[in-house]
Amino acid sequence: MALQFTPATVRVPATSANLGPGFDALGLALSLHDEVEARVTGGRVTVEVSGEGAGDLPTDGSHLVVRAMTRVFDELGEHPAGLALRCRNRIPQARGLGSSSAAIVAGVSLARALVTGGAERLDDAGLLRIAAELEGHPDNVAPCLLGGMTIAWTEASGAAAVRLEPADLIRPFVYVPQERGLTEVARAALPATVPHADAALNAGRAALLVHAITVDPSHLFVATEDRLHQGYRAPSMPGSAELVASLRAEGVAAVISGAGPSVLALTCGGWAPSPLPGWRVLPLDVDLVGALAGVDLEWGTLEHADRDPVAAG
């Protein structure tokens, strides 16, 4: 085998995990993208970052994209002497929109693209398994890789997922606060056990949510009810919890996006958010493509690119 010396480029979407009741299982890809270009060099590792995280993220081999690339290079038995990366980040960092998953999926996708015959040796199911190992759970990396809505789980052989096609009517809005959140803090707020009635309610709502997003969005409000994690996390993000409550009081299917503190509103069109001090409101679409990578893709041309979706699992 050999490495490609033509630069590879990838576009990866933001994601929202949980979607209310689907804790650590359901995810949705969103039309907000990071773009990364990687080139094999004969020297050291360099990373150039623009946009979100510029000045804060590392610019050497400790960058998460590089670490993810290294994991796939190890898997495929190829080790470039050096790498030069350019990252154009649009996904807000540490806001519950899958920025770390996007970096991981970008890295594993780029590494595979830079290895001659990489796609034949490591399919999307393999990429998902590696990405979930690096992230620790598959609920964000699955929609980032596959696009659309995903149901992800972990079994003895590793992470797996199925991709579902969302209904055309679904229109997501994301409220992004100024403050950041930490997944570790959000997870630490969860109790070791929950009441049986709450677990049963969430199981039913999660099943209904799959139907609501893919077939009948009229059920979105009821289907996004959660008693498993959002209430326990509310004290650590009171502004987000208050916003979810106020939106739901208007009949909007609003939830905490991932571990927060961003808020996701799932609508069917015809609803427009009001400006809210301290929040950026992003009107988005569902990303149906997922990660798009290749050595023949021109940097800066991927914001509106498309392809056929893929599945893993």
C-alpha atoms as a PDB file:
ATOM      1  CA  MET A   1       0.000   0.000   0.000  1.00  0.00           C
ATOM      2  CA  ALA A   2       0.967   3.653  -0.331  1.00  0.00           C
ATOM      3  CA  LEU A   3      -0.069   7.103   0.714  1.00  0.00           C
ATOM      4  CA  GLN A   4      -1.708   9.709  -1.493  1.00  0.00           C
ATOM      5  CA  PHE A   5       0.355  12.894  -1.784  1.00  0.00           C
ATOM      6  CA  THR A   6      -2.548  14.846  -3.266  1.00  0.00           C
ATOM      7  CA  PRO A   7      -4.272  16.793  -0.449  1.00  0.00           C
ATOM      8  CA  ALA A   8      -7.484  15.273   0.899  1.00  0.00           C
ATOM      9  CA  THR A   9     -10.425  17.405   2.023  1.00  0.00           C
ATOM     10  CA  VAL A  10     -13.394  16.585   4.227  1.00  0.00           C
ATOM     11  CA  ARG A  11     -16.597  18.360   5.210  1.00  0.00           C
ATOM     12  CA  VAL A  12     -18.266  17.216   8.435  1.00  0.00           C
ATOM     13  CA  PRO A  13     -21.604  18.356   9.927  1.00  0.00           C
ATOM     14  CA  ALA A  14     -22.570  19.514  13.387  1.00  0.00           C
ATOM     15  CA  THR A  15     -24.771  17.076  15.268  1.00  0.00           C
ATOM     16  CA  SER A  16     -27.303  17.072  18.058  1.00  0.00           C
ATOM     17  CA  ALA A  17     -27.448  13.971  20.235  1.00  0.00           C
ATOM     18  CA  ASN A  18     -30.179  12.618  22.522  1.00  0.00           C
ATOM     19  CA  LEU A  19     -32.953  14.744  20.942  1.00  0.00           C
ATOM     20  CA  GLY A  20     -34.687  14.639  24.304  1.00  0.00           C
ATOM     21  CA  PRO A  21     -35.525  11.066  25.287  1.00  0.00           C
ATOM     22  CA  GLY A  22     -33.012   9.172  23.109  1.00  0.00           C
ATOM     23  CA  PHE A  23     -30.160   9.426  25.592  1.00  0.00           C
ATOM     24  CA  ASP A  24     -26.841   8.154  24.163  1.00  0.00           C
ATOM     25  CA  ALA A  25     -28.683   6.594  21.209  1.00  0.00           C
ATOM     26  CA  LEU A  26     -30.382   9.086  18.876  1.00  0.00           C
ATOM     27  CA  GLY A  27     -28.635  11.772  16.848  1.00  0.00           C
ATOM     28  CA  LEU A  28     -29.321  14.237  14.051  1.00  0.00           C
ATOM     29  CA  ALA A  29     -26.883  15.776  11.563  1.00  0.00           C
ATOM     30  CA  LEU A  30     -27.229  19.528  11.032  1.00  0.00           C
ATOM     31  CA  SER A  31     -26.317  21.800   8.107  1.00  0.00           C
ATOM     32  CA  LEU A  32     -23.430  23.557   9.845  1.00  0.00           C
ATOM     33  CA  HIS A  33     -20.023  22.291   8.770  1.00  0.00           C
ATOM     34  CA  ASP A  34     -16.334  22.187   9.558  1.00  0.00           C
ATOM     35  CA  GLU A  35     -13.960  21.707   6.637  1.00  0.00           C
ATOM     36  CA  VAL A  36     -10.459  20.234   6.924  1.00  0.00           C
ATOM     37  CA  GLU A  37      -7.722  19.741   4.353  1.00  0.00           C
ATOM     38  CA  ALA A  38      -4.800  17.368   5.047  1.00  0.00           C
ATOM     39  CA  ARG A  39      -1.590  16.911   3.069  1.00  0.00           C
ATOM     40  CA  VAL A  40       1.161  14.345   3.589  1.00  0.00           C
ATOM     41  CA  THR A  41       4.565  15.991   4.062  1.00  0.00           C
ATOM     42  CA  GLY A  42       8.074  14.841   4.764  1.00  0.00           C
ATOM     43  CA  GLY A  43       8.435  16.736   8.008  1.00  0.00           C
ATOM     44  CA  ARG A  44       6.567  17.632  11.176  1.00  0.00           C
ATOM     45  CA  VAL A  45       2.851  18.015  11.892  1.00  0.00           C
ATOM     46  CA  THR A  46       1.368  21.497  11.470  1.00  0.00           C
ATOM     47  CA  VAL A  47      -2.248  22.598  11.936  1.00  0.00           C
ATOM     48  CA  GLU A  48      -3.780  25.911  10.838  1.00  0.00           C
ATOM     49  CA  VAL A  49      -7.133  26.757  12.438  1.00  0.00           C
ATOM     50  CA  SER A  50      -9.544  29.487  11.379  1.00  0.00           C
ATOM     51  CA  GLY A  51     -13.025  30.223  12.657  1.00  0.00           C
ATOM     52  CA  GLU A  52     -14.344  28.594  15.830  1.00  0.00           C
ATOM     53  CA  GLY A  53     -11.549  27.631  18.223  1.00  0.00           C
ATOM     54  CA  ALA A  54      -8.846  29.639  16.455  1.00  0.00           C
ATOM     55  CA  GLY A  55      -6.199  30.604  19.001  1.00  0.00           C
ATOM     56  CA  ASP A  56      -7.457  28.030  21.496  1.00  0.00           C
ATOM     57  CA  LEU A  57      -7.053  24.683  19.740  1.00  0.00           C
ATOM     58  CA  PRO A  58      -3.606  23.071  19.464  1.00  0.00           C
ATOM     59  CA  THR A  59      -1.690  23.434  16.222  1.00  0.00           C
ATOM     60  CA  ASP A  60       0.513  20.357  16.508  1.00  0.00           C
ATOM     61  CA  GLY A  61       0.128  16.601  16.725  1.00  0.00           C
ATOM     62  CA  SER A  62      -2.058  16.870  19.828  1.00  0.00           C
ATOM     63  CA  HIS A  63      -4.914  18.331  17.762  1.00  0.00           C
ATOM     64  CA  LEU A  64      -7.879  15.943  17.842  1.00  0.00           C
ATOM     65  CA  VAL A  65      -8.070  15.636  14.046  1.00  0.00           C
ATOM     66  CA  VAL A  66      -4.427  14.512  13.948  1.00  0.00           C
ATOM     67  CA  ARG A  67      -4.924  12.029  16.762  1.00  0.00           C
ATOM     68  CA  ALA A  68      -7.893  10.521  14.937  1.00  0.00           C
ATOM     69  CA  MET A  69      -5.868  10.318  11.729  1.00  0.00           C
ATOM     70  CA  THR A  70      -3.062   8.556  13.561  1.00  0.00           C
ATOM     71  CA  ARG A  71      -5.478   5.922  14.850  1.00  0.00           C
ATOM     72  CA  VAL A  72      -6.583   5.055  11.297  1.00  0.00           C
ATOM     73  CA  PHE A  73      -3.022   5.143   9.952  1.00  0.00           C
ATOM     74  CA  ASP A  74      -2.170   2.600  12.646  1.00  0.00           C
ATOM     75  CA  GLU A  75      -5.153   0.492  11.612  1.00  0.00           C
ATOM     76  CA  LEU A  76      -4.070   0.521   7.964  1.00  0.00           C
ATOM     77  CA  GLY A  77      -0.350   0.183   8.623  1.00  0.00           C
ATOM     78  CA  GLU A  78       0.645   3.481   6.988  1.00  0.00           C
ATOM     79  CA  HIS A  79       2.594   6.187   8.805  1.00  0.00           C
ATOM     80  CA  PRO A  80       3.331   9.473   7.016  1.00  0.00           C
ATOM     81  CA  ALA A  81       6.444  11.365   8.086  1.00  0.00           C
ATOM     82  CA  GLY A  82       4.484  14.567   8.500  1.00  0.00           C
ATOM     83  CA  LEU A  83       1.115  16.205   7.947  1.00  0.00           C
ATOM     84  CA  ALA A  84      -0.071  19.715   7.151  1.00  0.00           C
ATOM     85  CA  LEU A  85      -3.686  20.495   8.079  1.00  0.00           C
ATOM     86  CA  ARG A  86      -5.960  23.444   7.449  1.00  0.00           C
ATOM     87  CA  CYS A  87      -9.157  23.598   9.537  1.00  0.00           C
ATOM     88  CA  ARG A  88     -12.030  25.945   8.800  1.00  0.00           C
ATOM     89  CA  ASN A  89     -14.322  25.574  11.810  1.00  0.00           C
ATOM     90  CA  ARG A  90     -17.935  26.712  11.855  1.00  0.00           C
ATOM     91  CA  ILE A  91     -19.267  24.415  14.583  1.00  0.00           C
ATOM     92  CA  PRO A  92     -19.244  26.162  17.993  1.00  0.00           C
ATOM     93  CA  GLN A  93     -16.868  24.515  20.450  1.00  0.00           C
ATOM     94  CA  ALA A  94     -18.136  22.940  23.695  1.00  0.00           C
ATOM     95  CA  ARG A  95     -21.773  23.864  23.047  1.00  0.00           C
ATOM     96  CA  GLY A  96     -23.398  20.442  22.651  1.00  0.00           C
ATOM     97  CA  LEU A  97     -23.209  20.468  18.841  1.00  0.00           C
ATOM     98  CA  GLY A  98     -20.692  17.675  18.325  1.00  0.00           C
ATOM     99  CA  SER A  99     -17.524  19.681  17.658  1.00  0.00           C
ATOM    100  CA  SER A 100     -15.274  16.932  19.040  1.00  0.00           C
ATOM    101  CA  SER A 101     -17.132  14.261  17.087  1.00  0.00           C
ATOM    102  CA  ALA A 102     -16.757  16.366  13.950  1.00  0.00           C
ATOM    103  CA  ALA A 103     -12.996  16.577  14.532  1.00  0.00           C
ATOM    104  CA  ILE A 104     -12.769  12.816  15.061  1.00  0.00           C
ATOM    105  CA  VAL A 105     -14.861  11.959  12.015  1.00  0.00           C
ATOM    106  CA  ALA A 106     -12.851  14.453   9.961  1.00  0.00           C
ATOM    107  CA  GLY A 107      -9.630  12.794  11.075  1.00  0.00           C
ATOM    108  CA  VAL A 108     -10.634   9.188  10.417  1.00  0.00           C
ATOM    109  CA  SER A 109     -12.151  10.136   7.058  1.00  0.00           C
ATOM    110  CA  LEU A 110      -9.066  12.078   5.956  1.00  0.00           C
ATOM    111  CA  ALA A 111      -6.661   9.320   6.947  1.00  0.00           C
ATOM    112  CA  ARG A 112      -8.641   6.735   5.005  1.00  0.00           C
ATOM    113  CA  ALA A 113      -8.747   9.051   1.971  1.00  0.00           C
ATOM    114  CA  LEU A 114      -4.964   9.513   2.086  1.00  0.00           C
ATOM    115  CA  VAL A 115      -4.256   5.775   1.985  1.00  0.00           C
ATOM    116  CA  THR A 116      -4.397   4.199  -1.450  1.00  0.00           C
ATOM    117  CA  GLY A 117      -7.248   1.684  -1.385  1.00  0.00           C
ATOM    118  CA  GLY A 118      -8.259   2.886   2.076  1.00  0.00           C
ATOM    119  CA  ALA A 119     -12.009   2.673   1.429  1.00  0.00           C
ATOM    120  CA  GLU A 120     -11.718  -0.965   0.354  1.00  0.00           C
ATOM    121  CA  ARG A 121      -9.749  -1.856   3.483  1.00  0.00           C
ATOM    122  CA  LEU A 122     -11.813   0.164   5.975  1.00  0.00           C
ATOM    123  CA  ASP A 123     -15.518   0.745   5.283  1.00  0.00           C
ATOM    124  CA  ASP A 124     -17.859   3.192   7.012  1.00  0.00           C
ATOM    125  CA  ALA A 125     -18.754   0.606   9.654  1.00  0.00           C
ATOM    126  CA  GLY A 126     -15.051   0.390  10.495  1.00  0.00           C
ATOM    127  CA  LEU A 127     -14.724   4.168  10.588  1.00  0.00           C
ATOM    128  CA  LEU A 128     -17.708   4.368  12.930  1.00  0.00           C
ATOM    129  CA  ARG A 129     -16.188   1.787  15.257  1.00  0.00           C
ATOM    130  CA  ILE A 130     -12.886   3.676  15.460  1.00  0.00           C
ATOM    131  CA  ALA A 131     -14.569   7.084  15.811  1.00  0.00           C
ATOM    132  CA  ALA A 132     -16.750   5.833  18.669  1.00  0.00           C
ATOM    133  CA  GLU A 133     -13.708   4.360  20.420  1.00  0.00           C
ATOM    134  CA  LEU A 134     -12.027   7.755  20.283  1.00  0.00           C
ATOM    135  CA  GLU A 135     -15.134   9.702  21.343  1.00  0.00           C
ATOM    136  CA  GLY A 136     -16.266   7.220  24.000  1.00  0.00           C
ATOM    137  CA  HIS A 137     -19.833   6.882  22.701  1.00  0.00           C
ATOM    138  CA  PRO A 138     -21.392   6.753  19.218  1.00  0.00           C
ATOM    139  CA  ASP A 139     -24.406   9.072  19.443  1.00  0.00           C
ATOM    140  CA  ASN A 140     -22.670  12.084  17.815  1.00  0.00           C
ATOM    141  CA  VAL A 141     -20.115  10.384  15.569  1.00  0.00           C
ATOM    142  CA  ALA A 142     -22.826   8.263  13.907  1.00  0.00           C
ATOM    143  CA  PRO A 143     -24.890  11.146  12.438  1.00  0.00           C
ATOM    144  CA  CYS A 144     -21.700  13.071  11.690  1.00  0.00           C
ATOM    145  CA  LEU A 145     -20.419  10.184   9.575  1.00  0.00           C
ATOM    146  CA  LEU A 146     -23.708   9.024   8.050  1.00  0.00           C
ATOM    147  CA  GLY A 147     -25.934  12.112   7.923  1.00  0.00           C
ATOM    148  CA  GLY A 148     -29.681  12.212   8.559  1.00  0.00           C
ATOM    149  CA  MET A 149     -31.016  10.725  11.782  1.00  0.00           C
ATOM    150  CA  THR A 150     -29.184   7.815  13.358  1.00  0.00           C
ATOM    151  CA  ILE A 151     -29.812   5.221  16.031  1.00  0.00           C
ATOM    152  CA  ALA A 152     -26.482   4.130  17.496  1.00  0.00           C
ATOM    153  CA  TRP A 153     -25.527   1.445  19.979  1.00  0.00           C
ATOM    154  CA  THR A 154     -22.494  -0.489  21.216  1.00  0.00           C
ATOM    155  CA  GLU A 155     -22.124  -4.265  21.166  1.00  0.00           C
ATOM    156  CA  ALA A 156     -19.252  -6.677  21.774  1.00  0.00           C
ATOM    157  CA  SER A 157     -17.628  -5.873  18.431  1.00  0.00           C
ATOM    158  CA  GLY A 158     -17.896  -2.105  18.955  1.00  0.00           C
ATOM    159  CA  ALA A 159     -20.212   0.692  17.900  1.00  0.00           C
ATOM    160  CA  ALA A 160     -22.855   0.301  15.202  1.00  0.00           C
ATOM    161  CA  ALA A 161     -25.600   2.491  13.804  1.00  0.00           C
ATOM    162  CA  VAL A 162     -28.469   2.643  11.372  1.00  0.00           C
ATOM    163  CA  ARG A 163     -29.298   5.719   9.348  1.00  0.00           C
ATOM    164  CA  LEU A 164     -32.882   6.922   8.891  1.00  0.00           C
ATOM    165  CA  GLU A 165     -34.245   9.494   6.463  1.00  0.00           C
ATOM    166  CA  PRO A 166     -35.916  12.439   8.246  1.00  0.00           C
ATOM    167  CA  ALA A 167     -39.212  13.767   6.950  1.00  0.00           C
ATOM    168  CA  ASP A 168     -38.913  16.731   4.594  1.00  0.00           C
ATOM    169  CA  LEU A 169     -40.893  18.968   6.945  1.00  0.00           C
ATOM    170  CA  ILE A 170     -38.317  18.910   9.769  1.00  0.00           C
ATOM    171  CA  ARG A 171     -36.717  22.316  10.313  1.00  0.00           C
ATOM    172  CA  PRO A 172     -34.191  22.579  13.183  1.00  0.00           C
ATOM    173  CA  PHE A 173     -33.290  25.806  14.954  1.00  0.00           C
ATOM    174  CA  VAL A 174     -30.323  25.926  17.318  1.00  0.00           C
ATOM    175  CA  TYR A 175     -29.906  28.452  20.131  1.00  0.00           C
ATOM    176  CA  VAL A 176     -26.204  28.839  20.982  1.00  0.00           C
ATOM    177  CA  PRO A 177     -25.312  30.617  24.251  1.00  0.00           C
ATOM    178  CA  GLN A 178     -22.118  32.506  24.957  1.00  0.00           C
ATOM    179  CA  GLU A 179     -21.052  30.182  27.761  1.00  0.00           C
ATOM    180  CA  ARG A 180     -19.509  26.793  27.127  1.00  0.00           C
ATOM    181  CA  GLY A 181     -20.382  23.441  28.618  1.00  0.00           C
ATOM    182  CA  LEU A 182     -18.408  20.316  29.442  1.00  0.00           C
ATOM    183  CA  THR A 183     -19.686  16.815  28.720  1.00  0.00           C
ATOM    184  CA  GLU A 184     -17.891  15.510  31.819  1.00  0.00           C
ATOM    185  CA  VAL A 185     -19.760  17.964  34.047  1.00  0.00           C
ATOM    186  CA  ALA A 186     -23.099  17.127  32.413  1.00  0.00           C
ATOM    187  CA  ARG A 187     -22.564  13.387  32.841  1.00  0.00           C
ATOM    188  CA  ALA A 188     -21.470  13.813  36.464  1.00  0.00           C
ATOM    189  CA  ALA A 189     -24.868  15.355  37.226  1.00  0.00           C
ATOM    190  CA  LEU A 190     -26.715  12.145  36.328  1.00  0.00           C
ATOM    191  CA  PRO A 191     -27.811   9.800  39.115  1.00  0.00           C
ATOM    192  CA  ALA A 192     -26.768   6.144  39.218  1.00  0.00           C
ATOM    193  CA  THR A 193     -30.411   5.025  39.097  1.00  0.00           C
ATOM    194  CA  VAL A 194     -33.705   6.536  37.934  1.00  0.00           C
ATOM    195  CA  PRO A 195     -37.335   5.685  38.767  1.00  0.00           C
ATOM    196  CA  HIS A 196     -38.794   2.836  36.730  1.00  0.00           C
ATOM    197  CA  ALA A 197     -41.673   5.033  35.588  1.00  0.00           C
ATOM    198  CA  ASP A 198     -39.250   7.616  34.171  1.00  0.00           C
ATOM    199  CA  ALA A 199     -37.251   4.963  32.314  1.00  0.00           C
ATOM    200  CA  ALA A 200     -40.447   3.509  30.873  1.00  0.00           C
ATOM    201  CA  LEU A 201     -41.673   6.926  29.752  1.00  0.00           C
ATOM    202  CA  ASN A 202     -38.389   7.646  28.001  1.00  0.00           C
ATOM    203  CA  ALA A 203     -38.403   4.306  26.212  1.00  0.00           C
ATOM    204  CA  GLY A 204     -41.850   5.047  24.813  1.00  0.00           C
ATOM    205  CA  ARG A 205     -41.006   8.627  23.877  1.00  0.00           C
ATOM    206  CA  ALA A 206     -37.769   7.596  22.139  1.00  0.00           C
ATOM    207  CA  ALA A 207     -39.642   5.034  20.057  1.00  0.00           C
ATOM    208  CA  LEU A 208     -42.276   7.625  19.166  1.00  0.00           C
ATOM    209  CA  LEU A 209     -39.552  10.153  18.294  1.00  0.00           C
ATOM    210  CA  VAL A 210     -38.153   7.861  15.604  1.00  0.00           C
ATOM    211  CA  HIS A 211     -41.622   7.785  14.034  1.00  0.00           C
ATOM    212  CA  ALA A 212     -42.107  11.538  14.501  1.00  0.00           C
ATOM    213  CA  ILE A 213     -38.862  12.531  12.809  1.00  0.00           C
ATOM    214  CA  THR A 214     -39.082  10.055   9.941  1.00  0.00           C
ATOM    215  CA  VAL A 215     -42.809   9.775   9.253  1.00  0.00           C
ATOM    216  CA  ASP A 216     -45.135  12.118  11.154  1.00  0.00           C
ATOM    217  CA  PRO A 217     -43.643  15.314  12.647  1.00  0.00           C
ATOM    218  CA  SER A 218     -46.986  16.209  14.232  1.00  0.00           C
ATOM    219  CA  HIS A 219     -45.884  14.027  17.176  1.00  0.00           C
ATOM    220  CA  LEU A 220     -42.622  15.913  17.757  1.00  0.00           C
ATOM    221  CA  PHE A 221     -43.719  17.800  20.859  1.00  0.00           C
ATOM    222  CA  VAL A 222     -44.885  14.765  22.821  1.00  0.00           C
ATOM    223  CA  ALA A 223     -42.060  12.615  21.450  1.00  0.00           C
ATOM    224  CA  THR A 224     -39.340  14.949  22.755  1.00  0.00           C
ATOM    225  CA  GLU A 225     -40.414  14.725  26.396  1.00  0.00           C
ATOM    226  CA  ASP A 226     -37.564  13.514  28.618  1.00  0.00           C
ATOM    227  CA  ARG A 227     -37.228  12.518  32.269  1.00  0.00           C
ATOM    228  CA  LEU A 228     -33.897  10.717  32.090  1.00  0.00           C
ATOM    229  CA  HIS A 229     -31.227  13.434  31.935  1.00  0.00           C
ATOM    230  CA  GLN A 230     -32.327  17.024  31.228  1.00  0.00           C
ATOM    231  CA  GLY A 231     -33.906  17.667  34.609  1.00  0.00           C
ATOM    232  CA  TYR A 232     -30.828  16.441  36.467  1.00  0.00           C
ATOM    233  CA  ARG A 233     -28.578  18.666  34.369  1.00  0.00           C
ATOM    234  CA  ALA A 234     -30.743  21.792  34.650  1.00  0.00           C
ATOM    235  CA  PRO A 235     -28.932  23.285  37.705  1.00  0.00           C
ATOM    236  CA  SER A 236     -25.647  23.362  35.759  1.00  0.00           C
ATOM    237  CA  MET A 237     -27.231  25.218  32.823  1.00  0.00           C
ATOM    238  CA  PRO A 238     -30.174  27.211  34.214  1.00  0.00           C
ATOM    239  CA  GLY A 239     -30.423  29.529  31.210  1.00  0.00           C
ATOM    240  CA  SER A 240     -30.720  26.603  28.820  1.00  0.00           C
ATOM    241  CA  ALA A 241     -33.266  24.848  31.016  1.00  0.00           C
ATOM    242  CA  GLU A 242     -35.331  28.041  31.232  1.00  0.00           C
ATOM    243  CA  LEU A 243     -35.236  28.467  27.453  1.00  0.00           C
ATOM    244  CA  VAL A 244     -36.345  24.855  26.867  1.00  0.00           C
ATOM    245  CA  ALA A 245     -39.222  25.358  29.314  1.00  0.00           C
ATOM    246  CA  SER A 246     -40.333  28.623  27.699  1.00  0.00           C
ATOM    247  CA  LEU A 247     -40.220  27.186  24.181  1.00  0.00           C
ATOM    248  CA  ARG A 248     -42.142  24.097  25.219  1.00  0.00           C
ATOM    249  CA  ALA A 249     -44.722  26.330  26.887  1.00  0.00           C
ATOM    250  CA  GLU A 250     -45.293  27.731  23.364  1.00  0.00           C
ATOM    251  CA  GLY A 251     -45.740  24.201  22.013  1.00  0.00           C
ATOM    252  CA  VAL A 252     -42.279  24.025  20.406  1.00  0.00           C
ATOM    253  CA  ALA A 253     -40.439  20.689  20.550  1.00  0.00           C
ATOM    254  CA  ALA A 254     -37.347  22.048  22.299  1.00  0.00           C
ATOM    255  CA  VAL A 255     -34.603  20.013  23.989  1.00  0.00           C
ATOM    256  CA  ILE A 256     -31.072  20.411  25.271  1.00  0.00           C
ATOM    257  CA  SER A 257     -28.700  19.668  22.399  1.00  0.00           C
ATOM    258  CA  GLY A 258     -26.414  16.840  23.486  1.00  0.00           C
ATOM    259  CA  ALA A 259     -24.782  17.686  26.801  1.00  0.00           C
ATOM    260  CA  GLY A 260     -25.669  21.367  26.292  1.00  0.00           C
ATOM    261  CA  PRO A 261     -25.771  24.206  26.778  1.00  0.00           C
ATOM    262  CA  SER A 262     -27.171  24.807  23.265  1.00  0.00           C
ATOM    263  CA  VAL A 263     -30.897  24.289  22.763  1.00  0.00           C
ATOM    264  CA  LEU A 264     -32.400  22.509  19.759  1.00  0.00           C
ATOM    265  CA  ALA A 265     -35.905  23.323  18.533  1.00  0.00           C
ATOM    266  CA  LEU A 266     -37.403  20.841  16.080  1.00  0.00           C
ATOM    267  CA  THR A 267     -40.138  22.474  14.002  1.00  0.00           C
ATOM    268  CA  CYS A 268     -42.251  21.618  10.972  1.00  0.00           C
ATOM    269  CA  GLY A 269     -41.946  24.996   9.263  1.00  0.00           C
ATOM    270  CA  GLY A 270     -44.081  28.075   9.687  1.00  0.00           C
ATOM    271  CA  TRP A 271     -42.493  28.942  13.035  1.00  0.00           C
ATOM    272  CA  ALA A 272     -39.795  31.570  13.443  1.00  0.00           C
ATOM    273  CA  PRO A 273     -37.785  32.214  16.614  1.00  0.00           C
ATOM    274  CA  SER A 274     -37.679  35.624  18.242  1.00  0.00           C
ATOM    275  CA  PRO A 275     -34.272  37.265  18.880  1.00  0.00           C
ATOM    276  CA  LEU A 276     -32.977  36.454  22.349  1.00  0.00           C
ATOM    277  CA  PRO A 277     -30.244  38.497  24.084  1.00  0.00           C
ATOM    278  CA  GLY A 278     -27.153  36.410  24.788  1.00  0.00           C
ATOM    279  CA  TRP A 279     -28.034  33.715  22.257  1.00  0.00           C
ATOM    280  CA  ARG A 280     -27.183  33.120  18.626  1.00  0.00           C
ATOM    281  CA  VAL A 281     -30.118  31.583  16.784  1.00  0.00           C
ATOM    282  CA  LEU A 282     -29.130  29.398  13.831  1.00  0.00           C
ATOM    283  CA  PRO A 283     -31.838  28.348  11.344  1.00  0.00           C
ATOM    284  CA  LEU A 284     -30.557  25.067   9.918  1.00  0.00           C
ATOM    285  CA  ASP A 285     -31.580  22.066   7.873  1.00  0.00           C
ATOM    286  CA  VAL A 286     -30.990  18.401   8.510  1.00  0.00           C
ATOM    287  CA  ASP A 287     -27.730  17.382   6.849  1.00  0.00           C
ATOM    288  CA  LEU A 288     -28.532  14.328   4.726  1.00  0.00           C
ATOM    289  CA  VAL A 289     -24.973  13.719   3.567  1.00  0.00           C
ATOM    290  CA  GLY A 290     -22.735  13.247   6.576  1.00  0.00           C
ATOM    291  CA  ALA A 291     -18.956  13.239   6.168  1.00  0.00           C
ATOM    292  CA  LEU A 292     -17.859  13.966   2.614  1.00  0.00           C
ATOM    293  CA  ALA A 293     -14.158  13.269   1.967  1.00  0.00           C
ATOM    294  CA  GLY A 294     -11.816  12.672  -0.945  1.00  0.00           C
ATOM    295  CA  VAL A 295      -8.555  13.605  -2.632  1.00  0.00           C
ATOM    296  CA  ASP A 296     -10.366  15.162  -5.586  1.00  0.00           C
ATOM    297  CA  LEU A 297     -12.402  17.675  -3.588  1.00  0.00           C
ATOM    298  CA  GLU A 298     -11.342  21.296  -3.802  1.00  0.00           C
ATOM    299  CA  TRP A 299     -10.829  23.216  -0.561  1.00  0.00           C
ATOM    300  CA  GLY A 300     -13.522  25.803  -0.017  1.00  0.00           C
ATOM    301  CA  THR A 301     -16.081  24.252  -2.385  1.00  0.00           C
ATOM    302  CA  LEU A 302     -17.811  21.848  -0.004  1.00  0.00           C
ATOM    303  CA  GLU A 303     -20.293  24.036   1.840  1.00  0.00           C
ATOM    304  CA  HIS A 304     -23.111  23.028  -0.494  1.00  0.00           C
ATOM    305  CA  ALA A 305     -21.735  19.711  -1.785  1.00  0.00           C
ATOM    306  CA  ASP A 306     -23.888  16.608  -1.786  1.00  0.00           C
ATOM    307  CA  ARG A 307     -23.684  12.863  -2.338  1.00  0.00           C
ATOM    308  CA  ASP A 308     -25.669   9.710  -1.731  1.00  0.00           C
ATOM    309  CA  PRO A 309     -25.915   8.839   1.979  1.00  0.00           C
ATOM    310  CA  VAL A 310     -24.227   5.713   3.327  1.00  0.00           C
ATOM    311  CA  ALA A 311     -25.073   3.332   6.148  1.00  0.00           C
ATOM    312  CA  ALA A 312     -23.104   1.357   8.690  1.00  0.00           C
ATOM    313  CA  GLY A 313     -23.865  -1.307  11.224  1.00  0.00           C
END
